[in-house]
């Protein structure tokens, strides 16, 4: 295993836990980038507010 990866995973209970957290973080960043590329949402009007 790469030294940088070992050092990064040192605080995690296990390598699997570290990898899972890294994948979740990357999925969140990817989703945020996709949302940022979308056009603005038209939230005026409609909806359930009364």
Protein backbone atom coordinates (compact mmCIF):
# COMPACT_ATOMS: atom_id res chain seq x y z
CA UNK A 1 0.00 0.00 0.00
CA UNK A 2 1.21 3.50 -0.83
CA UNK A 3 2.78 5.40 2.10
CA UNK A 4 0.53 8.44 1.59
CA UNK A 5 -2.56 6.21 1.66
CA UNK A 6 -1.37 4.48 4.85
CA UNK A 7 -0.81 7.85 6.52
CA UNK A 8 -4.19 9.18 5.38
CA UNK A 9 -5.94 6.04 6.66
CA UNK A 10 -4.05 5.99 9.98
CA UNK A 11 -6.94 7.62 11.91
CA UNK A 12 -9.61 5.33 10.45
CA UNK A 13 -10.61 2.17 12.33
CA UNK A 14 -9.80 0.15 9.19
CA UNK A 15 -8.69 0.61 5.62
CA UNK A 16 -12.18 -0.37 4.44
CA UNK A 17 -13.69 2.36 6.63
CA UNK A 18 -11.27 4.91 5.20
CA UNK A 19 -12.06 3.88 1.63
CA UNK A 20 -15.80 4.02 2.28
CA UNK A 21 -15.50 7.54 3.70
CA UNK A 22 -13.35 8.64 0.76
CA UNK A 23 -15.86 7.25 -1.75
CA UNK A 24 -18.77 8.95 0.01
CA UNK A 25 -16.88 12.24 0.07
CA UNK A 26 -16.11 11.96 -3.64
CA UNK A 27 -19.74 11.12 -4.46
CA UNK A 28 -20.86 14.22 -2.54
CA UNK A 29 -18.36 16.41 -4.40
CA UNK A 30 -19.43 14.95 -7.74
CA UNK A 31 -23.10 15.59 -6.97
CA UNK A 32 -22.32 19.18 -5.91
CA UNK A 33 -20.45 19.79 -9.17
CA UNK A 34 -23.38 18.45 -11.18
CA UNK A 35 -25.81 20.68 -9.28
CA UNK A 36 -23.54 23.68 -9.81
CA UNK A 37 -23.59 23.09 -13.58
CA UNK A 38 -27.39 23.04 -13.66
CA UNK A 39 -29.26 26.21 -14.41
CA UNK A 40 -30.95 28.11 -11.61
CA UNK A 41 -34.19 26.60 -10.37
CA UNK A 42 -37.37 28.62 -10.64
CA UNK A 43 -38.77 28.31 -7.14
CA UNK A 44 -41.15 31.27 -7.37
CA UNK A 45 -44.86 30.55 -7.41
CA UNK A 46 -46.36 27.05 -7.09
CA UNK A 47 -45.56 24.72 -4.27
CA UNK A 48 -47.31 23.84 -1.05
CA UNK A 49 -46.88 27.17 0.75
CA UNK A 50 -50.12 28.94 1.59
